[in-house]
């Protein structure tokens, strides 16, 4: 079993934070127990990514029937390990992957990644690249759709007087732009170019 718990989402933007990790080679029953234990006693996950191979298929089927407070998603990695690592390396190169500096497993994690693919066990690479590539694909496919759905919900709430519209005039690249504040995502955006967003400032 390869278990890594990442934090990501709207409030952290493109950044991914590896909060805790663990690698073990377990059978079906032990894998299922370990996943439940980590989800119950660690930082609760919103999504569980499980590779749909070997005993993973049975684990996916069983956990999908249980109320874990998390979505169980079957993952079928595409391409070889090196190609998947190369695809995920863009996030690392951009400085968007953060690691806990005091984690007891950090040195092993770094050793495996810096020496990959010339390592005997590359479980850490499998786990990290699986998440980073899944997240990028998900954002690409669904991010804009989700954004417009939330924007529509916000506009409907505003029409009912449930949301007060916040605006501000800022100078961007030498031109004045009127920004609107998105209460759902807690950031400013350009209504003429909704994909252009700006983080909420400390004093806003």
N, C-alpha and C. Protein backbone atom coordinates (compact mmCIF):
# COMPACT_ATOMS: atom_id res chain seq x y z
N UNK A 1 0.84 -1.19 0.00
CA UNK A 1 0.00 0.00 0.00
C UNK A 1 0.87 1.24 0.00
N UNK A 2 0.53 2.21 -0.84
CA UNK A 2 1.22 3.49 -0.86
C UNK A 2 0.21 4.52 -0.39
N UNK A 3 0.50 5.21 0.66
CA UNK A 3 -0.46 6.17 1.19
C UNK A 3 0.20 7.52 1.40
N UNK A 4 -0.26 8.52 0.67
CA UNK A 4 0.20 9.89 0.85
C UNK A 4 -1.01 10.79 0.98
N UNK A 5 -0.98 11.68 1.94
CA UNK A 5 -2.11 12.59 2.13
C UNK A 5 -1.68 13.99 1.71
N UNK A 6 -2.31 14.46 0.64
CA UNK A 6 -2.02 15.79 0.12
C UNK A 6 -3.14 16.74 0.48
N UNK A 7 -2.79 18.02 0.59
CA UNK A 7 -3.78 19.07 0.73
C UNK A 7 -3.72 19.92 -0.52
N UNK A 8 -4.89 20.15 -1.11
CA UNK A 8 -4.96 21.02 -2.27
C UNK A 8 -6.36 21.63 -2.29
N UNK A 9 -6.64 22.44 -3.31
CA UNK A 9 -7.96 23.03 -3.42
C UNK A 9 -7.90 24.51 -3.67
N UNK A 10 -9.08 25.13 -3.64
CA UNK A 10 -9.19 26.53 -4.02
C UNK A 10 -8.40 27.45 -3.10
N UNK A 11 -8.37 27.16 -1.80
CA UNK A 11 -7.74 28.09 -0.87
C UNK A 11 -6.22 28.08 -0.96
N UNK A 12 -5.65 27.05 -1.58
CA UNK A 12 -4.19 26.99 -1.72
C UNK A 12 -3.75 27.17 -3.16
N UNK A 13 -4.70 27.44 -4.06
CA UNK A 13 -4.38 27.70 -5.45
C UNK A 13 -3.72 26.50 -6.11
N UNK A 14 -2.66 26.72 -6.89
CA UNK A 14 -2.01 25.61 -7.60
C UNK A 14 -1.07 24.80 -6.73
N UNK A 15 -0.92 25.18 -5.46
CA UNK A 15 0.05 24.51 -4.59
C UNK A 15 -0.52 23.19 -4.03
N UNK A 16 0.36 22.24 -3.83
CA UNK A 16 0.00 20.96 -3.21
C UNK A 16 0.91 20.75 -2.01
N UNK A 17 0.33 20.37 -0.89
CA UNK A 17 1.08 20.15 0.35
C UNK A 17 0.99 18.69 0.74
N UNK A 18 2.13 18.01 0.81
CA UNK A 18 2.16 16.62 1.28
C UNK A 18 2.19 16.66 2.80
N UNK A 19 1.11 16.23 3.44
CA UNK A 19 0.98 16.35 4.89
C UNK A 19 1.53 15.14 5.63
N UNK A 20 1.30 13.96 5.11
CA UNK A 20 1.83 12.76 5.74
C UNK A 20 1.91 11.64 4.71
N UNK A 21 2.77 10.67 4.98
CA UNK A 21 2.95 9.61 4.00
C UNK A 21 3.38 8.31 4.66
N UNK A 22 3.17 7.21 3.93
CA UNK A 22 3.48 5.89 4.47
C UNK A 22 3.53 4.91 3.30
N UNK A 23 4.50 4.02 3.30
CA UNK A 23 4.57 2.98 2.26
C UNK A 23 4.74 1.63 2.91
N UNK A 24 3.91 0.70 2.49
CA UNK A 24 3.97 -0.68 2.98
C UNK A 24 3.47 -1.60 1.87
N UNK A 25 3.93 -2.83 1.89
CA UNK A 25 3.43 -3.84 0.96
C UNK A 25 2.50 -4.75 1.75
N UNK A 26 1.19 -4.59 1.50
CA UNK A 26 0.18 -5.28 2.29
C UNK A 26 -0.75 -6.10 1.40
N UNK A 27 -1.41 -7.07 2.01
CA UNK A 27 -2.42 -7.84 1.31
C UNK A 27 -3.74 -7.10 1.30
N UNK A 28 -4.77 -7.73 0.75
CA UNK A 28 -6.07 -7.09 0.60
C UNK A 28 -6.66 -6.60 1.92
N UNK A 29 -6.79 -7.51 2.89
CA UNK A 29 -7.41 -7.15 4.16
C UNK A 29 -6.62 -6.08 4.89
N UNK A 30 -5.29 -6.22 4.95
CA UNK A 30 -4.45 -5.25 5.64
C UNK A 30 -4.50 -3.89 4.95
N UNK A 31 -4.59 -3.88 3.63
CA UNK A 31 -4.68 -2.62 2.89
C UNK A 31 -5.95 -1.88 3.25
N UNK A 32 -7.07 -2.60 3.27
CA UNK A 32 -8.36 -2.01 3.60
C UNK A 32 -8.34 -1.44 5.02
N UNK A 33 -7.80 -2.19 5.97
CA UNK A 33 -7.72 -1.74 7.36
C UNK A 33 -6.84 -0.50 7.48
N UNK A 34 -5.71 -0.50 6.78
CA UNK A 34 -4.78 0.64 6.85
C UNK A 34 -5.40 1.91 6.29
N UNK A 35 -6.14 1.80 5.20
CA UNK A 35 -6.79 2.97 4.61
C UNK A 35 -7.82 3.54 5.58
N UNK A 36 -8.63 2.67 6.18
CA UNK A 36 -9.64 3.13 7.13
C UNK A 36 -8.99 3.79 8.34
N UNK A 37 -7.90 3.18 8.84
CA UNK A 37 -7.23 3.72 10.02
C UNK A 37 -6.62 5.09 9.74
N UNK A 38 -5.98 5.24 8.58
CA UNK A 38 -5.37 6.53 8.26
C UNK A 38 -6.43 7.60 8.08
N UNK A 39 -7.56 7.23 7.49
CA UNK A 39 -8.62 8.20 7.27
C UNK A 39 -9.30 8.58 8.58
N UNK A 40 -9.34 7.65 9.52
CA UNK A 40 -10.03 7.91 10.79
C UNK A 40 -9.15 8.64 11.79
N UNK A 41 -7.86 8.34 11.81
CA UNK A 41 -7.00 8.87 12.85
C UNK A 41 -6.04 9.97 12.36
N UNK A 42 -5.90 10.10 11.07
CA UNK A 42 -5.04 11.16 10.55
C UNK A 42 -5.86 12.36 10.17
N UNK A 43 -5.36 13.17 9.22
CA UNK A 43 -6.12 14.29 8.70
C UNK A 43 -7.07 13.72 7.66
N UNK A 44 -8.37 13.86 7.91
CA UNK A 44 -9.37 13.21 7.06
C UNK A 44 -9.26 13.67 5.61
N UNK A 45 -9.30 12.71 4.71
CA UNK A 45 -9.18 13.02 3.28
C UNK A 45 -10.56 13.24 2.67
N UNK A 46 -10.62 14.06 1.63
CA UNK A 46 -11.84 14.28 0.87
C UNK A 46 -11.94 13.30 -0.29
N UNK A 47 -10.79 12.87 -0.79
CA UNK A 47 -10.73 11.98 -1.93
C UNK A 47 -9.70 10.89 -1.66
N UNK A 48 -10.04 9.64 -2.00
CA UNK A 48 -9.11 8.53 -1.89
C UNK A 48 -8.83 8.03 -3.31
N UNK A 49 -7.59 8.14 -3.74
CA UNK A 49 -7.19 7.65 -5.06
C UNK A 49 -6.59 6.26 -4.89
N UNK A 50 -7.18 5.28 -5.53
CA UNK A 50 -6.70 3.90 -5.40
C UNK A 50 -6.47 3.34 -6.80
N UNK A 51 -5.27 2.81 -7.02
CA UNK A 51 -4.95 2.26 -8.33
C UNK A 51 -5.79 1.01 -8.58
N UNK A 52 -6.44 0.98 -9.71
CA UNK A 52 -7.38 -0.10 -10.03
C UNK A 52 -6.64 -1.30 -10.62
N UNK A 53 -5.74 -1.87 -9.81
CA UNK A 53 -4.98 -3.04 -10.21
C UNK A 53 -4.80 -3.96 -9.00
N UNK A 54 -4.53 -5.23 -9.26
CA UNK A 54 -4.27 -6.21 -8.19
C UNK A 54 -5.39 -6.15 -7.15
N UNK A 55 -5.02 -6.07 -5.84
CA UNK A 55 -6.07 -6.05 -4.82
C UNK A 55 -6.74 -4.69 -4.71
N UNK A 56 -6.23 -3.69 -5.44
CA UNK A 56 -6.84 -2.37 -5.40
C UNK A 56 -8.26 -2.38 -5.91
N UNK A 57 -8.55 -3.20 -6.91
CA UNK A 57 -9.90 -3.26 -7.48
C UNK A 57 -10.93 -3.70 -6.43
N UNK A 58 -10.58 -4.72 -5.65
CA UNK A 58 -11.49 -5.20 -4.61
C UNK A 58 -11.65 -4.17 -3.50
N UNK A 59 -10.55 -3.49 -3.15
CA UNK A 59 -10.60 -2.45 -2.11
C UNK A 59 -11.51 -1.31 -2.57
N UNK A 60 -11.38 -0.91 -3.82
CA UNK A 60 -12.22 0.16 -4.37
C UNK A 60 -13.69 -0.21 -4.27
N UNK A 61 -14.02 -1.42 -4.69
CA UNK A 61 -15.42 -1.87 -4.69
C UNK A 61 -16.00 -1.87 -3.28
N UNK A 62 -15.22 -2.36 -2.32
CA UNK A 62 -15.74 -2.45 -0.95
C UNK A 62 -15.84 -1.09 -0.27
N UNK A 63 -14.78 -0.28 -0.40
CA UNK A 63 -14.78 1.03 0.26
C UNK A 63 -15.82 1.98 -0.35
N UNK A 64 -16.16 1.78 -1.61
CA UNK A 64 -17.16 2.62 -2.27
C UNK A 64 -18.53 2.43 -1.65
N UNK A 65 -18.74 1.29 -1.01
CA UNK A 65 -20.04 1.02 -0.38
C UNK A 65 -20.11 1.53 1.05
N UNK A 66 -19.00 2.01 1.58
CA UNK A 66 -18.97 2.44 2.97
C UNK A 66 -18.95 3.97 3.08
N UNK A 67 -19.45 4.47 4.19
CA UNK A 67 -19.49 5.91 4.43
C UNK A 67 -18.18 6.34 5.10
N UNK A 68 -17.22 6.74 4.28
CA UNK A 68 -15.91 7.15 4.79
C UNK A 68 -15.78 8.67 4.88
N UNK A 69 -16.78 9.36 4.36
CA UNK A 69 -16.67 10.82 4.32
C UNK A 69 -15.71 11.28 3.24
N UNK A 70 -15.41 10.39 2.29
CA UNK A 70 -14.47 10.71 1.22
C UNK A 70 -14.90 9.97 -0.04
N UNK A 71 -14.62 10.57 -1.18
CA UNK A 71 -14.92 9.94 -2.46
C UNK A 71 -13.81 8.96 -2.82
N UNK A 72 -14.19 7.74 -3.20
CA UNK A 72 -13.23 6.73 -3.59
C UNK A 72 -13.14 6.73 -5.12
N UNK A 73 -11.96 7.02 -5.65
CA UNK A 73 -11.78 7.14 -7.09
C UNK A 73 -10.77 6.11 -7.58
N UNK A 74 -11.19 5.33 -8.57
CA UNK A 74 -10.30 4.35 -9.18
C UNK A 74 -9.40 5.06 -10.19
N UNK A 75 -8.11 4.79 -10.09
CA UNK A 75 -7.14 5.44 -10.97
C UNK A 75 -6.44 4.39 -11.83
N UNK A 76 -6.39 4.66 -13.12
CA UNK A 76 -5.67 3.79 -14.05
C UNK A 76 -4.55 4.62 -14.68
N UNK A 77 -3.36 4.59 -14.11
CA UNK A 77 -2.25 5.40 -14.61
C UNK A 77 -1.95 5.13 -16.08
N UNK A 78 -1.72 6.19 -16.83
CA UNK A 78 -1.41 6.06 -18.25
C UNK A 78 0.09 6.21 -18.48
N UNK A 79 0.63 5.43 -19.38
CA UNK A 79 2.05 5.52 -19.70
C UNK A 79 2.92 4.82 -18.66
N UNK A 80 4.22 4.88 -18.86
CA UNK A 80 5.15 4.27 -17.93
C UNK A 80 5.43 5.17 -16.74
N UNK A 81 6.14 4.63 -15.76
CA UNK A 81 6.43 5.39 -14.55
C UNK A 81 7.26 6.64 -14.83
N UNK A 82 8.22 6.51 -15.73
CA UNK A 82 9.08 7.65 -16.03
C UNK A 82 8.32 8.76 -16.73
N UNK A 83 7.42 8.41 -17.63
CA UNK A 83 6.64 9.43 -18.33
C UNK A 83 5.68 10.12 -17.37
N UNK A 84 5.14 9.36 -16.41
CA UNK A 84 4.24 9.97 -15.42
C UNK A 84 5.01 10.90 -14.50
N UNK A 85 6.23 10.49 -14.15
CA UNK A 85 7.06 11.35 -13.30
C UNK A 85 7.44 12.62 -14.03
N UNK A 86 7.73 12.50 -15.31
CA UNK A 86 8.09 13.68 -16.11
C UNK A 86 6.91 14.65 -16.18
N UNK A 87 5.70 14.11 -16.36
CA UNK A 87 4.52 14.96 -16.43
C UNK A 87 4.29 15.71 -15.11
N UNK A 88 4.54 15.03 -14.00
CA UNK A 88 4.32 15.64 -12.68
C UNK A 88 5.43 16.61 -12.30
N UNK A 89 6.59 16.48 -12.93
CA UNK A 89 7.74 17.31 -12.55
C UNK A 89 7.51 18.80 -12.78
N UNK A 90 6.56 19.15 -13.66
CA UNK A 90 6.28 20.57 -13.93
C UNK A 90 5.80 21.27 -12.67
N UNK A 91 4.99 20.59 -11.86
CA UNK A 91 4.50 21.19 -10.62
C UNK A 91 5.65 21.42 -9.64
N UNK A 92 6.58 20.48 -9.59
CA UNK A 92 7.73 20.61 -8.70
C UNK A 92 8.63 21.74 -9.18
N UNK A 93 8.89 21.78 -10.47
CA UNK A 93 9.76 22.82 -11.03
C UNK A 93 9.18 24.21 -10.82
N UNK A 94 7.85 24.30 -10.83
CA UNK A 94 7.19 25.59 -10.64
C UNK A 94 7.15 26.00 -9.17
N UNK A 95 7.63 25.12 -8.27
CA UNK A 95 7.64 25.44 -6.85
C UNK A 95 6.29 25.30 -6.19
N UNK A 96 5.44 24.43 -6.74
CA UNK A 96 4.08 24.29 -6.22
C UNK A 96 3.87 23.04 -5.37
N UNK A 97 4.96 22.32 -5.03
CA UNK A 97 4.83 21.13 -4.19
C UNK A 97 5.63 21.37 -2.90
N UNK A 98 4.94 21.25 -1.76
CA UNK A 98 5.55 21.54 -0.46
C UNK A 98 5.59 20.28 0.40
N UNK A 99 6.71 20.10 1.12
CA UNK A 99 6.90 18.92 1.95
C UNK A 99 7.11 19.35 3.41
N UNK A 100 6.68 18.53 4.37
CA UNK A 100 6.90 18.84 5.79
C UNK A 100 8.35 18.60 6.18
N UNK A 101 9.06 19.64 6.58
CA UNK A 101 10.50 19.52 6.80
C UNK A 101 10.89 18.63 7.98
N UNK A 102 9.98 18.37 8.90
CA UNK A 102 10.32 17.55 10.07
C UNK A 102 9.74 16.14 10.01
N UNK A 103 9.21 15.75 8.88
CA UNK A 103 8.61 14.41 8.76
C UNK A 103 9.69 13.33 8.86
N UNK A 104 9.46 12.25 9.61
CA UNK A 104 10.46 11.20 9.76
C UNK A 104 10.77 10.46 8.46
N UNK A 105 9.86 10.51 7.49
CA UNK A 105 10.05 9.81 6.22
C UNK A 105 10.59 10.72 5.13
N UNK A 106 10.87 12.01 5.44
CA UNK A 106 11.26 12.97 4.41
C UNK A 106 12.56 12.57 3.69
N UNK A 107 13.57 12.13 4.44
CA UNK A 107 14.85 11.78 3.81
C UNK A 107 14.67 10.64 2.82
N UNK A 108 13.86 9.64 3.18
CA UNK A 108 13.60 8.53 2.26
C UNK A 108 12.85 9.01 1.03
N UNK A 109 11.87 9.87 1.25
CA UNK A 109 11.08 10.42 0.15
C UNK A 109 11.97 11.14 -0.85
N UNK A 110 12.87 11.98 -0.34
CA UNK A 110 13.77 12.75 -1.20
C UNK A 110 14.78 11.84 -1.90
N UNK A 111 15.28 10.82 -1.17
CA UNK A 111 16.24 9.89 -1.75
C UNK A 111 15.63 9.15 -2.94
N UNK A 112 14.41 8.67 -2.77
CA UNK A 112 13.75 7.93 -3.84
C UNK A 112 13.53 8.82 -5.06
N UNK A 113 13.09 10.05 -4.84
CA UNK A 113 12.81 10.95 -5.97
C UNK A 113 14.08 11.41 -6.67
N UNK A 114 15.11 11.71 -5.91
CA UNK A 114 16.34 12.21 -6.54
C UNK A 114 17.11 11.12 -7.28
N UNK A 115 16.87 9.85 -6.91
CA UNK A 115 17.58 8.75 -7.56
C UNK A 115 16.70 7.95 -8.53
N UNK A 116 15.45 8.33 -8.65
CA UNK A 116 14.54 7.67 -9.58
C UNK A 116 15.01 7.91 -11.02
N UNK A 117 14.99 6.90 -11.90
CA UNK A 117 14.39 5.56 -11.71
C UNK A 117 15.36 4.49 -11.22
N UNK A 118 16.57 4.90 -10.85
CA UNK A 118 17.57 3.92 -10.41
C UNK A 118 17.42 3.57 -8.94
N UNK A 119 16.20 3.21 -8.54
CA UNK A 119 15.94 2.80 -7.15
C UNK A 119 15.18 1.48 -7.18
N UNK A 120 15.36 0.67 -6.15
CA UNK A 120 14.71 -0.63 -6.10
C UNK A 120 13.22 -0.49 -5.86
N UNK A 121 12.85 0.40 -4.93
CA UNK A 121 11.44 0.61 -4.60
C UNK A 121 11.08 2.08 -4.87
N UNK A 122 10.16 2.29 -5.80
CA UNK A 122 9.79 3.66 -6.17
C UNK A 122 8.35 4.00 -5.76
N UNK A 123 7.91 3.41 -4.64
CA UNK A 123 6.53 3.63 -4.18
C UNK A 123 6.21 5.11 -3.96
N UNK A 124 7.16 5.85 -3.41
CA UNK A 124 6.92 7.27 -3.15
C UNK A 124 6.64 8.02 -4.45
N UNK A 125 7.38 7.67 -5.48
CA UNK A 125 7.17 8.32 -6.78
C UNK A 125 5.80 7.97 -7.33
N UNK A 126 5.40 6.73 -7.20
CA UNK A 126 4.08 6.30 -7.65
C UNK A 126 2.97 7.13 -7.00
N UNK A 127 3.07 7.29 -5.68
CA UNK A 127 2.03 7.99 -4.94
C UNK A 127 1.98 9.48 -5.31
N UNK A 128 3.13 10.12 -5.32
CA UNK A 128 3.18 11.56 -5.58
C UNK A 128 2.73 11.88 -7.01
N UNK A 129 3.24 11.13 -7.98
CA UNK A 129 2.88 11.42 -9.37
C UNK A 129 1.42 11.09 -9.64
N UNK A 130 0.91 10.07 -8.98
CA UNK A 130 -0.50 9.72 -9.15
C UNK A 130 -1.39 10.89 -8.75
N UNK A 131 -1.09 11.48 -7.59
CA UNK A 131 -1.90 12.61 -7.14
C UNK A 131 -1.72 13.84 -8.03
N UNK A 132 -0.47 14.22 -8.30
CA UNK A 132 -0.21 15.45 -9.05
C UNK A 132 -0.81 15.38 -10.45
N UNK A 133 -0.68 14.25 -11.12
CA UNK A 133 -1.24 14.12 -12.46
C UNK A 133 -2.76 14.05 -12.44
N UNK A 134 -3.33 13.37 -11.44
CA UNK A 134 -4.79 13.33 -11.31
C UNK A 134 -5.34 14.72 -11.07
N UNK A 135 -4.70 15.48 -10.19
CA UNK A 135 -5.19 16.81 -9.87
C UNK A 135 -5.15 17.71 -11.10
N UNK A 136 -4.05 17.66 -11.85
CA UNK A 136 -3.93 18.52 -13.03
C UNK A 136 -5.01 18.18 -14.06
N UNK A 137 -5.24 16.89 -14.28
CA UNK A 137 -6.25 16.46 -15.23
C UNK A 137 -7.63 16.89 -14.79
N UNK A 138 -7.90 16.75 -13.50
CA UNK A 138 -9.22 17.11 -12.97
C UNK A 138 -9.47 18.60 -13.11
N UNK A 139 -8.47 19.43 -12.78
CA UNK A 139 -8.63 20.87 -12.89
C UNK A 139 -8.86 21.27 -14.33
N UNK A 140 -8.13 20.63 -15.25
CA UNK A 140 -8.26 20.98 -16.65
C UNK A 140 -9.64 20.64 -17.18
N UNK A 141 -10.17 19.50 -16.76
CA UNK A 141 -11.45 19.05 -17.30
C UNK A 141 -12.63 19.74 -16.64
N UNK A 142 -12.54 19.95 -15.31
CA UNK A 142 -13.72 20.39 -14.60
C UNK A 142 -13.62 21.77 -13.96
N UNK A 143 -12.43 22.31 -13.87
CA UNK A 143 -12.26 23.57 -13.16
C UNK A 143 -13.10 24.70 -13.70
N UNK A 144 -13.10 24.92 -15.02
CA UNK A 144 -13.84 26.03 -15.59
C UNK A 144 -15.34 25.81 -15.45
N UNK A 145 -15.79 24.56 -15.65
CA UNK A 145 -17.21 24.25 -15.50
C UNK A 145 -17.66 24.52 -14.07
N UNK A 146 -16.89 24.05 -13.09
CA UNK A 146 -17.24 24.29 -11.70
C UNK A 146 -17.27 25.77 -11.39
N UNK A 147 -16.31 26.50 -11.98
CA UNK A 147 -16.24 27.94 -11.74
C UNK A 147 -17.54 28.61 -12.19
N UNK A 148 -18.00 28.31 -13.40
CA UNK A 148 -19.20 28.96 -13.92
C UNK A 148 -20.45 28.53 -13.16
N UNK A 149 -20.46 27.28 -12.69
CA UNK A 149 -21.59 26.84 -11.88
C UNK A 149 -21.65 27.62 -10.57
N UNK A 150 -20.49 27.83 -9.95
CA UNK A 150 -20.44 28.60 -8.71
C UNK A 150 -20.76 30.07 -8.96
N UNK A 151 -20.28 30.58 -10.11
CA UNK A 151 -20.57 31.97 -10.44
C UNK A 151 -22.07 32.17 -10.64
N UNK A 152 -22.74 31.20 -11.29
CA UNK A 152 -24.17 31.28 -11.49
C UNK A 152 -24.90 31.24 -10.15
N UNK A 153 -24.45 30.33 -9.26
CA UNK A 153 -25.07 30.23 -7.94
C UNK A 153 -24.91 31.53 -7.16
N UNK A 154 -23.74 32.13 -7.29
CA UNK A 154 -23.48 33.39 -6.60
C UNK A 154 -24.37 34.51 -7.13
N UNK A 155 -24.52 34.57 -8.46
CA UNK A 155 -25.36 35.60 -9.07
C UNK A 155 -26.83 35.42 -8.68
N UNK A 156 -27.26 34.16 -8.59
CA UNK A 156 -28.64 33.90 -8.16
C UNK A 156 -28.85 34.32 -6.72
N UNK A 157 -27.85 34.02 -5.88
CA UNK A 157 -27.95 34.43 -4.47
C UNK A 157 -27.94 35.95 -4.36
N UNK A 158 -27.13 36.59 -5.19
CA UNK A 158 -27.05 38.05 -5.18
C UNK A 158 -28.38 38.66 -5.59
N UNK A 159 -29.03 38.04 -6.60
CA UNK A 159 -30.32 38.54 -7.07
C UNK A 159 -31.38 38.45 -5.98
N UNK A 160 -31.23 37.46 -5.09
CA UNK A 160 -32.17 37.29 -3.98
C UNK A 160 -31.77 38.13 -2.76
N UNK A 161 -30.70 38.89 -2.91
CA UNK A 161 -30.26 39.74 -1.82
C UNK A 161 -29.49 39.02 -0.74
N UNK A 162 -28.99 37.81 -1.05
CA UNK A 162 -28.27 37.02 -0.05
C UNK A 162 -26.77 37.30 -0.06
N UNK A 163 -26.27 37.89 -1.15
CA UNK A 163 -24.85 38.16 -1.27
C UNK A 163 -24.64 39.60 -1.69
N UNK A 164 -23.79 40.31 -0.96
CA UNK A 164 -23.47 41.70 -1.31
C UNK A 164 -22.29 41.70 -2.27
N UNK A 165 -22.46 42.40 -3.40
CA UNK A 165 -21.40 42.43 -4.40
C UNK A 165 -20.29 43.37 -3.95
N UNK A 166 -19.07 42.85 -3.91
CA UNK A 166 -17.91 43.66 -3.56
C UNK A 166 -17.09 43.91 -4.83
N UNK A 167 -16.70 45.14 -5.04
CA UNK A 167 -15.89 45.48 -6.20
C UNK A 167 -14.73 46.37 -5.75
N UNK A 168 -13.71 46.43 -6.57
CA UNK A 168 -12.60 47.34 -6.31
C UNK A 168 -11.91 47.66 -7.63
N UNK A 169 -11.37 48.85 -7.73
CA UNK A 169 -10.66 49.27 -8.93
C UNK A 169 -9.16 49.15 -8.67
N UNK A 170 -8.46 48.42 -9.52
CA UNK A 170 -7.02 48.24 -9.36
C UNK A 170 -6.32 48.54 -10.68
N UNK A 171 -5.02 48.76 -10.58
CA UNK A 171 -4.23 48.98 -11.79
C UNK A 171 -3.43 47.72 -12.09
N UNK A 172 -3.64 47.17 -13.28
CA UNK A 172 -2.96 45.94 -13.70
C UNK A 172 -2.32 46.19 -15.06
N UNK A 173 -1.01 46.05 -15.11
CA UNK A 173 -0.27 46.28 -16.36
C UNK A 173 -0.59 47.63 -16.98
N UNK A 174 -0.68 48.64 -16.12
CA UNK A 174 -0.87 50.00 -16.61
C UNK A 174 -2.30 50.36 -16.97
N UNK A 175 -3.24 49.48 -16.72
CA UNK A 175 -4.64 49.81 -17.03
C UNK A 175 -5.51 49.58 -15.80
N UNK A 176 -6.58 50.33 -15.69
CA UNK A 176 -7.47 50.20 -14.54
C UNK A 176 -8.51 49.11 -14.83
N UNK A 177 -8.65 48.21 -13.86
CA UNK A 177 -9.56 47.07 -14.01
C UNK A 177 -10.49 47.01 -12.81
N UNK A 178 -11.79 46.86 -13.08
CA UNK A 178 -12.76 46.71 -12.00
C UNK A 178 -12.90 45.23 -11.67
N UNK A 179 -12.51 44.85 -10.46
CA UNK A 179 -12.57 43.46 -10.04
C UNK A 179 -13.80 43.20 -9.18
N UNK A 180 -14.32 41.99 -9.26
CA UNK A 180 -15.40 41.55 -8.38
C UNK A 180 -14.83 40.52 -7.42
N UNK A 181 -15.43 40.43 -6.23
CA UNK A 181 -14.95 39.47 -5.23
C UNK A 181 -15.84 38.25 -5.21
N UNK A 182 -15.24 37.07 -5.33
CA UNK A 182 -15.96 35.80 -5.31
C UNK A 182 -15.96 35.26 -3.88
N UNK A 183 -17.11 35.32 -3.23
CA UNK A 183 -17.22 34.87 -1.83
C UNK A 183 -16.97 33.37 -1.70
N UNK A 184 -17.33 32.60 -2.72
CA UNK A 184 -17.18 31.16 -2.65
C UNK A 184 -15.72 30.73 -2.68
N UNK A 185 -14.94 31.38 -3.55
CA UNK A 185 -13.53 31.00 -3.67
C UNK A 185 -12.61 31.92 -2.89
N UNK A 186 -13.17 33.01 -2.33
CA UNK A 186 -12.40 33.97 -1.54
C UNK A 186 -11.26 34.56 -2.36
N UNK A 187 -11.59 35.06 -3.54
CA UNK A 187 -10.58 35.72 -4.37
C UNK A 187 -11.26 36.73 -5.28
N UNK A 188 -10.46 37.64 -5.84
CA UNK A 188 -10.96 38.65 -6.77
C UNK A 188 -10.82 38.12 -8.19
N UNK A 189 -11.74 38.54 -9.08
CA UNK A 189 -11.65 38.12 -10.47
C UNK A 189 -12.13 39.24 -11.38
N UNK A 190 -11.64 39.18 -12.62
CA UNK A 190 -12.01 40.15 -13.64
C UNK A 190 -13.27 39.63 -14.33
N UNK A 191 -14.43 40.27 -14.18
CA UNK A 191 -15.67 39.76 -14.79
C UNK A 191 -15.61 39.69 -16.31
N UNK A 192 -14.73 40.48 -16.94
CA UNK A 192 -14.60 40.44 -18.39
C UNK A 192 -13.71 39.27 -18.83
N UNK A 193 -12.84 38.85 -17.93
CA UNK A 193 -11.96 37.69 -18.17
C UNK A 193 -11.95 36.85 -16.91
N UNK A 194 -13.01 36.06 -16.66
CA UNK A 194 -13.17 35.33 -15.38
C UNK A 194 -12.02 34.41 -15.03
N UNK A 195 -11.23 33.98 -16.03
CA UNK A 195 -10.11 33.10 -15.71
C UNK A 195 -8.98 33.84 -15.02
N UNK A 196 -9.01 35.19 -15.08
CA UNK A 196 -7.99 36.00 -14.40
C UNK A 196 -8.43 36.25 -12.96
N UNK A 197 -7.76 35.60 -12.03
CA UNK A 197 -8.12 35.72 -10.62
C UNK A 197 -6.94 36.23 -9.81
N UNK A 198 -7.26 36.83 -8.64
CA UNK A 198 -6.24 37.43 -7.79
C UNK A 198 -6.57 37.08 -6.34
N UNK A 199 -5.58 36.66 -5.55
CA UNK A 199 -5.83 36.21 -4.17
C UNK A 199 -6.35 37.32 -3.28
N UNK A 200 -7.10 36.93 -2.26
CA UNK A 200 -7.60 37.86 -1.27
C UNK A 200 -6.42 38.40 -0.46
N UNK A 201 -6.32 39.71 -0.31
CA UNK A 201 -5.22 40.28 0.45
C UNK A 201 -5.49 40.17 1.94
N UNK A 202 -4.43 40.32 2.74
CA UNK A 202 -4.55 40.17 4.19
C UNK A 202 -5.51 41.19 4.79
N UNK A 203 -5.57 42.41 4.20
CA UNK A 203 -6.38 43.49 4.78
C UNK A 203 -7.70 43.70 4.05
N UNK A 204 -8.08 42.78 3.14
CA UNK A 204 -9.33 42.96 2.41
C UNK A 204 -10.50 42.43 3.23
